[in-house]
Amino acid sequence: MKKSDTQSTEKASFDSSFAELERINKELENADISVDLMSDYAKECLPLVRTCKEKLSLTQKDVDLLMKELENE
């Protein structure tokens, strides 16, 4: 897989995870949902949050590395 393909997959994974989190958040804002459904959503969110957090962490490392390279020029 080419680097651009990997980046596209990672972006899609981040974007789709974030979009799903936003959808769930809108559902949770509805005061009429049951506690059971709220619990299901909480369980569903954990892997989505992990995906987003990992990608953001990797992106931060990339930015830090680029900034160091620029400082050394």
PDB file of N, CA and C in Angstrom:
ATOM      1  N   MET A   1       0.841  -1.186   0.000  1.00  0.00           N
ATOM      2  CA  MET A   1       0.000   0.000   0.000  1.00  0.00           C
ATOM      3  C   MET A   1       0.880   1.241   0.000  1.00  0.00           C
ATOM      4  N   LYS A   2       0.561   2.165  -0.866  1.00  0.00           N
ATOM      5  CA  LYS A   2       1.322   3.406  -0.954  1.00  0.00           C
ATOM      6  C   LYS A   2       1.027   4.278   0.259  1.00  0.00           C
ATOM      7  N   LYS A   3       1.977   5.178   0.559  1.00  0.00           N
ATOM      8  CA  LYS A   3       1.813   6.076   1.697  1.00  0.00           C
ATOM      9  C   LYS A   3       0.534   6.892   1.580  1.00  0.00           C
ATOM     10  N   SER A   4       0.221   7.389   0.388  1.00  0.00           N
ATOM     11  CA  SER A   4      -0.990   8.186   0.203  1.00  0.00           C
ATOM     12  C   SER A   4      -2.239   7.352   0.458  1.00  0.00           C
ATOM     13  N   ASP A   5      -2.192   6.046   0.102  1.00  0.00           N
ATOM     14  CA  ASP A   5      -3.315   5.158   0.379  1.00  0.00           C
ATOM     15  C   ASP A   5      -3.492   4.975   1.883  1.00  0.00           C
ATOM     16  N   THR A   6      -2.383   4.819   2.590  1.00  0.00           N
ATOM     17  CA  THR A   6      -2.423   4.676   4.042  1.00  0.00           C
ATOM     18  C   THR A   6      -2.989   5.932   4.681  1.00  0.00           C
ATOM     19  N   GLN A   7      -2.531   7.093   4.216  1.00  0.00           N
ATOM     20  CA  GLN A   7      -3.032   8.354   4.759  1.00  0.00           C
ATOM     21  C   GLN A   7      -4.516   8.501   4.492  1.00  0.00           C
ATOM     22  N   SER A   8      -4.977   8.116   3.323  1.00  0.00           N
ATOM     23  CA  SER A   8      -6.394   8.200   2.996  1.00  0.00           C
ATOM     24  C   SER A   8      -7.212   7.302   3.908  1.00  0.00           C
ATOM     25  N   THR A   9      -6.710   6.080   4.155  1.00  0.00           N
ATOM     26  CA  THR A   9      -7.401   5.139   5.031  1.00  0.00           C
ATOM     27  C   THR A   9      -7.450   5.682   6.455  1.00  0.00           C
ATOM     28  N   GLU A  10      -6.310   6.220   6.935  1.00  0.00           N
ATOM     29  CA  GLU A  10      -6.281   6.778   8.284  1.00  0.00           C
ATOM     30  C   GLU A  10      -7.222   7.965   8.407  1.00  0.00           C
ATOM     31  N   LYS A  11      -7.246   8.832   7.392  1.00  0.00           N
ATOM     32  CA  LYS A  11      -8.124   9.987   7.419  1.00  0.00           C
ATOM     33  C   LYS A  11      -9.578   9.540   7.416  1.00  0.00           C
ATOM     34  N   ALA A  12      -9.882   8.560   6.552  1.00  0.00           N
ATOM     35  CA  ALA A  12     -11.246   8.052   6.496  1.00  0.00           C
ATOM     36  C   ALA A  12     -11.624   7.434   7.833  1.00  0.00           C
ATOM     37  N   SER A  13     -10.687   6.717   8.435  1.00  0.00           N
ATOM     38  CA  SER A  13     -10.952   6.090   9.723  1.00  0.00           C
ATOM     39  C   SER A  13     -11.203   7.149  10.797  1.00  0.00           C
ATOM     40  N   PHE A  14     -10.372   8.190  10.813  1.00  0.00           N
ATOM     41  CA  PHE A  14     -10.569   9.275  11.767  1.00  0.00           C
ATOM     42  C   PHE A  14     -11.881   9.985  11.486  1.00  0.00           C
ATOM     43  N   ASP A  15     -12.087  10.354  10.229  1.00  0.00           N
ATOM     44  CA  ASP A  15     -13.297  11.097   9.862  1.00  0.00           C
ATOM     45  C   ASP A  15     -14.562  10.303  10.161  1.00  0.00           C
ATOM     46  N   SER A  16     -14.561   9.027   9.827  1.00  0.00           N
ATOM     47  CA  SER A  16     -15.757   8.213  10.069  1.00  0.00           C
ATOM     48  C   SER A  16     -15.974   7.998  11.570  1.00  0.00           C
ATOM     49  N   SER A  17     -14.897   7.806  12.318  1.00  0.00           N
ATOM     50  CA  SER A  17     -15.022   7.654  13.771  1.00  0.00           C
ATOM     51  C   SER A  17     -15.553   8.930  14.408  1.00  0.00           C
ATOM     52  N   PHE A  18     -15.020  10.063  13.974  1.00  0.00           N
ATOM     53  CA  PHE A  18     -15.452  11.344  14.523  1.00  0.00           C
ATOM     54  C   PHE A  18     -16.916  11.625  14.166  1.00  0.00           C
ATOM     55  N   ALA A  19     -17.283  11.313  12.926  1.00  0.00           N
ATOM     56  CA  ALA A  19     -18.668  11.513  12.498  1.00  0.00           C
ATOM     57  C   ALA A  19     -19.622  10.643  13.319  1.00  0.00           C
ATOM     58  N   GLU A  20     -19.204   9.422  13.590  1.00  0.00           N
ATOM     59  CA  GLU A  20     -20.039   8.530  14.399  1.00  0.00           C
ATOM     60  C   GLU A  20     -20.159   9.054  15.831  1.00  0.00           C
ATOM     61  N   LEU A  21     -19.072   9.577  16.375  1.00  0.00           N
ATOM     62  CA  LEU A  21     -19.134  10.185  17.711  1.00  0.00           C
ATOM     63  C   LEU A  21     -20.089  11.374  17.734  1.00  0.00           C
ATOM     64  N   GLU A  22     -20.055  12.177  16.688  1.00  0.00           N
ATOM     65  CA  GLU A  22     -20.974  13.316  16.607  1.00  0.00           C
ATOM     66  C   GLU A  22     -22.424  12.841  16.541  1.00  0.00           C
ATOM     67  N   ARG A  23     -22.679  11.776  15.771  1.00  0.00           N
ATOM     68  CA  ARG A  23     -24.034  11.230  15.670  1.00  0.00           C
ATOM     69  C   ARG A  23     -24.522  10.735  17.035  1.00  0.00           C
ATOM     70  N   ILE A  24     -23.660  10.014  17.722  1.00  0.00           N
ATOM     71  CA  ILE A  24     -24.018   9.495  19.040  1.00  0.00           C
ATOM     72  C   ILE A  24     -24.260  10.638  20.019  1.00  0.00           C
ATOM     73  N   ASN A  25     -23.421  11.667  19.945  1.00  0.00           N
ATOM     74  CA  ASN A  25     -23.588  12.820  20.823  1.00  0.00           C
ATOM     75  C   ASN A  25     -24.962  13.464  20.629  1.00  0.00           C
ATOM     76  N   LYS A  26     -25.388  13.591  19.378  1.00  0.00           N
ATOM     77  CA  LYS A  26     -26.709  14.160  19.104  1.00  0.00           C
ATOM     78  C   LYS A  26     -27.810  13.296  19.711  1.00  0.00           C
ATOM     79  N   GLU A  27     -27.643  11.992  19.612  1.00  0.00           N
ATOM     80  CA  GLU A  27     -28.625  11.080  20.214  1.00  0.00           C
ATOM     81  C   GLU A  27     -28.644  11.234  21.741  1.00  0.00           C
ATOM     82  N   LEU A  28     -27.448  11.367  22.327  1.00  0.00           N
ATOM     83  CA  LEU A  28     -27.367  11.496  23.787  1.00  0.00           C
ATOM     84  C   LEU A  28     -27.959  12.815  24.281  1.00  0.00           C
ATOM     85  N   GLU A  29     -27.955  13.824  23.440  1.00  0.00           N
ATOM     86  CA  GLU A  29     -28.548  15.100  23.813  1.00  0.00           C
ATOM     87  C   GLU A  29     -30.063  15.012  23.909  1.00  0.00           C
ATOM     88  N   ASN A  30     -30.619  13.972  23.320  1.00  0.00           N
ATOM     89  CA  ASN A  30     -32.055  13.729  23.408  1.00  0.00           C
ATOM     90  C   ASN A  30     -32.357  13.171  24.799  1.00  0.00           C
ATOM     91  N   ALA A  31     -33.093  13.907  25.580  1.00  0.00           N
ATOM     92  CA  ALA A  31     -33.360  13.529  26.972  1.00  0.00           C
ATOM     93  C   ALA A  31     -34.280  12.312  27.082  1.00  0.00           C
ATOM     94  N   ASP A  32     -34.860  11.867  25.973  1.00  0.00           N
ATOM     95  CA  ASP A  32     -35.833  10.774  26.007  1.00  0.00           C
ATOM     96  C   ASP A  32     -35.229   9.387  25.796  1.00  0.00           C
ATOM     97  N   ILE A  33     -33.913   9.262  25.760  1.00  0.00           N
ATOM     98  CA  ILE A  33     -33.331   7.940  25.535  1.00  0.00           C
ATOM     99  C   ILE A  33     -33.232   7.183  26.855  1.00  0.00           C
ATOM    100  N   SER A  34     -33.292   5.878  26.746  1.00  0.00           N
ATOM    101  CA  SER A  34     -33.257   5.033  27.935  1.00  0.00           C
ATOM    102  C   SER A  34     -31.831   4.910  28.472  1.00  0.00           C
ATOM    103  N   VAL A  35     -31.745   4.510  29.707  1.00  0.00           N
ATOM    104  CA  VAL A  35     -30.440   4.282  30.336  1.00  0.00           C
ATOM    105  C   VAL A  35     -29.721   3.136  29.622  1.00  0.00           C
ATOM    106  N   ASP A  36     -30.462   2.124  29.208  1.00  0.00           N
ATOM    107  CA  ASP A  36     -29.856   0.997  28.491  1.00  0.00           C
ATOM    108  C   ASP A  36     -29.235   1.452  27.178  1.00  0.00           C
ATOM    109  N   LEU A  37     -29.949   2.299  26.442  1.00  0.00           N
ATOM    110  CA  LEU A  37     -29.415   2.809  25.188  1.00  0.00           C
ATOM    111  C   LEU A  37     -28.206   3.700  25.450  1.00  0.00           C
ATOM    112  N   MET A  38     -28.270   4.477  26.508  1.00  0.00           N
ATOM    113  CA  MET A  38     -27.139   5.334  26.874  1.00  0.00           C
ATOM    114  C   MET A  38     -25.905   4.475  27.170  1.00  0.00           C
ATOM    115  N   SER A  39     -26.112   3.369  27.850  1.00  0.00           N
ATOM    116  CA  SER A  39     -25.017   2.447  28.157  1.00  0.00           C
ATOM    117  C   SER A  39     -24.444   1.838  26.876  1.00  0.00           C
ATOM    118  N   ASP A  40     -25.322   1.464  25.958  1.00  0.00           N
ATOM    119  CA  ASP A  40     -24.864   0.910  24.671  1.00  0.00           C
ATOM    120  C   ASP A  40     -24.023   1.927  23.920  1.00  0.00           C
ATOM    121  N   TYR A  41     -24.475   3.181  23.910  1.00  0.00           N
ATOM    122  CA  TYR A  41     -23.724   4.234  23.229  1.00  0.00           C
ATOM    123  C   TYR A  41     -22.354   4.434  23.876  1.00  0.00           C
ATOM    124  N   ALA A  42     -22.311   4.401  25.185  1.00  0.00           N
ATOM    125  CA  ALA A  42     -21.031   4.580  25.879  1.00  0.00           C
ATOM    126  C   ALA A  42     -20.043   3.487  25.462  1.00  0.00           C
ATOM    127  N   LYS A  43     -20.519   2.257  25.378  1.00  0.00           N
ATOM    128  CA  LYS A  43     -19.660   1.144  24.955  1.00  0.00           C
ATOM    129  C   LYS A  43     -19.214   1.303  23.509  1.00  0.00           C
ATOM    130  N   GLU A  44     -20.099   1.814  22.678  1.00  0.00           N
ATOM    131  CA  GLU A  44     -19.801   2.025  21.267  1.00  0.00           C
ATOM    132  C   GLU A  44     -18.767   3.139  21.075  1.00  0.00           C
ATOM    133  N   CYS A  45     -18.780   4.111  21.973  1.00  0.00           N
ATOM    134  CA  CYS A  45     -17.886   5.270  21.841  1.00  0.00           C
ATOM    135  C   CYS A  45     -16.430   4.953  22.148  1.00  0.00           C
ATOM    136  N   LEU A  46     -16.188   4.035  23.036  1.00  0.00           N
ATOM    137  CA  LEU A  46     -14.814   3.764  23.474  1.00  0.00           C
ATOM    138  C   LEU A  46     -13.847   3.498  22.323  1.00  0.00           C
ATOM    139  N   PRO A  47     -14.124   2.552  21.421  1.00  0.00           N
ATOM    140  CA  PRO A  47     -13.168   2.334  20.315  1.00  0.00           C
ATOM    141  C   PRO A  47     -13.088   3.525  19.365  1.00  0.00           C
ATOM    142  N   LEU A  48     -14.189   4.247  19.206  1.00  0.00           N
ATOM    143  CA  LEU A  48     -14.179   5.424  18.335  1.00  0.00           C
ATOM    144  C   LEU A  48     -13.276   6.511  18.903  1.00  0.00           C
ATOM    145  N   VAL A  49     -13.373   6.727  20.210  1.00  0.00           N
ATOM    146  CA  VAL A  49     -12.528   7.724  20.868  1.00  0.00           C
ATOM    147  C   VAL A  49     -11.065   7.302  20.785  1.00  0.00           C
ATOM    148  N   ARG A  50     -10.804   6.025  20.985  1.00  0.00           N
ATOM    149  CA  ARG A  50      -9.418   5.531  20.882  1.00  0.00           C
ATOM    150  C   ARG A  50      -8.845   5.776  19.491  1.00  0.00           C
ATOM    151  N   THR A  51      -9.633   5.491  18.469  1.00  0.00           N
ATOM    152  CA  THR A  51      -9.185   5.713  17.088  1.00  0.00           C
ATOM    153  C   THR A  51      -8.820   7.175  16.872  1.00  0.00           C
ATOM    154  N   CYS A  52      -9.696   8.068  17.297  1.00  0.00           N
ATOM    155  CA  CYS A  52      -9.454   9.502  17.116  1.00  0.00           C
ATOM    156  C   CYS A  52      -8.246   9.964  17.926  1.00  0.00           C
ATOM    157  N   LYS A  53      -8.158   9.500  19.161  1.00  0.00           N
ATOM    158  CA  LYS A  53      -7.050   9.905  20.030  1.00  0.00           C
ATOM    159  C   LYS A  53      -5.708   9.439  19.466  1.00  0.00           C
ATOM    160  N   GLU A  54      -5.656   8.207  18.986  1.00  0.00           N
ATOM    161  CA  GLU A  54      -4.411   7.685  18.412  1.00  0.00           C
ATOM    162  C   GLU A  54      -3.988   8.493  17.191  1.00  0.00           C
ATOM    163  N   LYS A  55      -4.935   8.799  16.313  1.00  0.00           N
ATOM    164  CA  LYS A  55      -4.609   9.555  15.114  1.00  0.00           C
ATOM    165  C   LYS A  55      -4.155  10.967  15.462  1.00  0.00           C
ATOM    166  N   LEU A  56      -4.829  11.595  16.417  1.00  0.00           N
ATOM    167  CA  LEU A  56      -4.415  12.936  16.830  1.00  0.00           C
ATOM    168  C   LEU A  56      -3.024  12.923  17.455  1.00  0.00           C
ATOM    169  N   SER A  57      -2.732  11.894  18.225  1.00  0.00           N
ATOM    170  CA  SER A  57      -1.414  11.769  18.845  1.00  0.00           C
ATOM    171  C   SER A  57      -0.325  11.606  17.777  1.00  0.00           C
ATOM    172  N   LEU A  58      -0.589  10.755  16.797  1.00  0.00           N
ATOM    173  CA  LEU A  58       0.381  10.560  15.710  1.00  0.00           C
ATOM    174  C   LEU A  58       0.571  11.848  14.909  1.00  0.00           C
ATOM    175  N   THR A  59      -0.503  12.553  14.682  1.00  0.00           N
ATOM    176  CA  THR A  59      -0.422  13.820  13.954  1.00  0.00           C
ATOM    177  C   THR A  59       0.396  14.832  14.730  1.00  0.00           C
ATOM    178  N   GLN A  60       0.212  14.888  16.046  1.00  0.00           N
ATOM    179  CA  GLN A  60       0.979  15.808  16.884  1.00  0.00           C
ATOM    180  C   GLN A  60       2.468  15.483  16.822  1.00  0.00           C
ATOM    181  N   LYS A  61       2.793  14.194  16.842  1.00  0.00           N
ATOM    182  CA  LYS A  61       4.199  13.789  16.732  1.00  0.00           C
ATOM    183  C   LYS A  61       4.788  14.219  15.388  1.00  0.00           C
ATOM    184  N   ASP A  62       4.014  14.047  14.321  1.00  0.00           N
ATOM    185  CA  ASP A  62       4.470  14.472  12.994  1.00  0.00           C
ATOM    186  C   ASP A  62       4.720  15.974  12.951  1.00  0.00           C
ATOM    187  N   VAL A  63       3.808  16.744  13.513  1.00  0.00           N
ATOM    188  CA  VAL A  63       3.948  18.205  13.530  1.00  0.00           C
ATOM    189  C   VAL A  63       5.173  18.601  14.349  1.00  0.00           C
ATOM    190  N   ASP A  64       5.358  17.977  15.504  1.00  0.00           N
ATOM    191  CA  ASP A  64       6.527  18.272  16.339  1.00  0.00           C
ATOM    192  C   ASP A  64       7.825  17.989  15.593  1.00  0.00           C
ATOM    193  N   LEU A  65       7.859  16.871  14.878  1.00  0.00           N
ATOM    194  CA  LEU A  65       9.049  16.511  14.104  1.00  0.00           C
ATOM    195  C   LEU A  65       9.309  17.538  13.001  1.00  0.00           C
ATOM    196  N   LEU A  66       8.262  17.932  12.306  1.00  0.00           N
ATOM    197  CA  LEU A  66       8.415  18.939  11.253  1.00  0.00           C
ATOM    198  C   LEU A  66       8.887  20.269  11.813  1.00  0.00           C
ATOM    199  N   MET A  67       8.377  20.650  12.960  1.00  0.00           N
ATOM    200  CA  MET A  67       8.790  21.913  13.590  1.00  0.00           C
ATOM    201  C   MET A  67      10.258  21.850  13.977  1.00  0.00           C
ATOM    202  N   LYS A  68      10.729  20.716  14.490  1.00  0.00           N
ATOM    203  CA  LYS A  68      12.146  20.560  14.826  1.00  0.00           C
ATOM    204  C   LYS A  68      13.007  20.676  13.581  1.00  0.00           C
ATOM    205  N   GLU A  69      12.554  20.059  12.499  1.00  0.00           N
ATOM    206  CA  GLU A  69      13.300  20.128  11.244  1.00  0.00           C
ATOM    207  C   GLU A  69      13.399  21.577  10.764  1.00  0.00           C
ATOM    208  N   LEU A  70      12.327  22.319  10.870  1.00  0.00           N
ATOM    209  CA  LEU A  70      12.334  23.712  10.458  1.00  0.00           C
ATOM    210  C   LEU A  70      13.265  24.542  11.330  1.00  0.00           C
ATOM    211  N   GLU A  71      13.301  24.261  12.621  1.00  0.00           N
ATOM    212  CA  GLU A  71      14.179  24.988  13.532  1.00  0.00           C
ATOM    213  C   GLU A  71      15.649  24.746  13.209  1.00  0.00           C
ATOM    214  N   ASN A  72      15.949  23.564  12.687  1.00  0.00           N
ATOM    215  CA  ASN A  72      17.341  23.192  12.387  1.00  0.00           C
ATOM    216  C   ASN A  72      17.804  23.669  11.025  1.00  0.00           C
ATOM    217  N   GLU A  73      16.936  24.285  10.266  1.00  0.00           N
ATOM    218  CA  GLU A  73      17.329  24.766   8.939  1.00  0.00           C
ATOM    219  C   GLU A  73      18.023  26.103   9.038  1.00  0.00           C
TER     220      GLU A  73
END
